[in-house]
């Protein structure tokens, strides 16, 4: 079973089975140790989002799980922060 963290999530993991109902997966953006990141379109809002799916089989121990939860926490914090602009 795969899990996904999407832009609507607030630190929780959602079953991949629910993704097709809410999102249209467009293309793969990248791949890492635990899974992949895909560009998707929210079917209701038409907003483009990045969805990270994590293969449960890749989570080998509690340390892996803590690393994933830390990433979820960081991504949630970033999403809630106002955008920062840099100027050359």
Protein backbone atom coordinates (compact mmCIF):
# COMPACT_ATOMS: atom_id res chain seq x y z
CA UNK A 1 0.00 0.00 0.00
CA UNK A 2 1.21 3.51 -0.78
CA UNK A 3 0.49 6.66 1.17
CA UNK A 4 0.46 10.21 -0.04
CA UNK A 5 1.00 13.60 1.49
CA UNK A 6 -0.69 16.29 -0.55
CA UNK A 7 -1.10 20.03 -0.26
CA UNK A 8 -4.43 19.59 1.54
CA UNK A 9 -2.94 17.36 4.21
CA UNK A 10 -2.16 18.75 7.62
CA UNK A 11 0.43 16.29 8.79
CA UNK A 12 -1.62 13.18 8.06
CA UNK A 13 -1.18 10.47 5.49
CA UNK A 14 -3.98 9.58 3.11
CA UNK A 15 -4.55 6.29 1.35
CA UNK A 16 -3.49 6.40 -2.29
CA UNK A 17 -6.87 4.85 -3.17
CA UNK A 18 -8.55 8.21 -2.45
CA UNK A 19 -6.23 10.26 -4.68
CA UNK A 20 -7.93 9.60 -8.05
CA UNK A 21 -11.23 10.93 -6.69
CA UNK A 22 -9.76 14.32 -5.79
CA UNK A 23 -6.69 14.68 -8.04
CA UNK A 24 -5.72 14.11 -11.63
CA UNK A 25 -2.13 12.86 -11.71
CA UNK A 26 -0.27 14.60 -14.55
CA UNK A 27 3.37 13.49 -14.47
CA UNK A 28 6.22 12.34 -12.26
CA UNK A 29 8.42 15.18 -11.00
CA UNK A 30 11.01 13.13 -9.14
CA UNK A 31 11.83 10.04 -7.15
CA UNK A 32 13.64 9.44 -3.88
CA UNK A 33 14.41 6.84 -1.25
CA UNK A 34 10.86 6.39 0.02
CA UNK A 35 8.73 7.15 -3.02
CA UNK A 36 8.01 9.67 -5.74
CA UNK A 37 6.63 13.17 -6.26
CA UNK A 38 4.01 13.80 -8.92
CA UNK A 39 2.43 16.90 -10.37
CA UNK A 40 -1.35 16.73 -9.97
CA UNK A 41 -4.41 18.86 -10.52
CA UNK A 42 -7.05 19.29 -7.82
CA UNK A 43 -10.29 18.39 -9.63
CA UNK A 44 -12.38 20.82 -7.53
CA UNK A 45 -10.15 23.91 -7.43
CA UNK A 46 -8.07 23.30 -10.59
CA UNK A 47 -4.98 24.14 -8.53
CA UNK A 48 -1.73 22.39 -9.42
CA UNK A 49 -0.19 20.56 -6.48
CA UNK A 50 2.75 18.29 -5.83
CA UNK A 51 1.87 14.93 -4.28
CA UNK A 52 4.49 12.78 -2.61
CA UNK A 53 3.62 9.10 -2.45
CA UNK A 54 5.53 6.97 0.03
CA UNK A 55 5.88 3.21 -0.32
CA UNK A 56 5.05 1.68 3.03
CA UNK A 57 7.45 -1.20 2.29
CA UNK A 58 10.34 1.31 2.23
CA UNK A 59 9.73 2.28 5.86
CA UNK A 60 12.03 -0.22 7.52
CA UNK A 61 12.14 0.98 11.11
CA UNK A 62 11.07 3.63 13.60
CA UNK A 63 13.92 5.93 12.53
CA UNK A 64 12.56 5.95 8.96
CA UNK A 65 9.09 6.77 10.26
CA UNK A 66 10.45 9.62 12.39
CA UNK A 67 12.29 11.01 9.35
CA UNK A 68 9.07 10.95 7.31
CA UNK A 69 7.03 12.58 10.08
CA UNK A 70 9.70 15.29 10.39
CA UNK A 71 9.42 15.97 6.65
CA UNK A 72 5.62 16.17 6.91
CA UNK A 73 5.96 18.65 9.78
CA UNK A 74 8.43 20.81 7.82
CA UNK A 75 6.33 20.79 4.66
CA UNK A 76 3.21 21.69 6.64
CA UNK A 77 5.06 24.60 8.27
CA UNK A 78 6.35 25.86 4.93
CA UNK A 79 2.90 25.70 3.37
CA UNK A 80 1.43 27.79 6.19
CA UNK A 81 4.15 30.47 6.00
CA UNK A 82 3.70 33.54 3.83
CA UNK A 83 5.77 33.40 0.62
CA UNK A 84 9.23 34.97 0.73
CA UNK A 85 10.56 36.84 -2.25
CA UNK A 86 14.24 37.30 -2.99
CA UNK A 87 15.54 40.04 -5.21
CA UNK A 88 18.93 39.98 -6.97
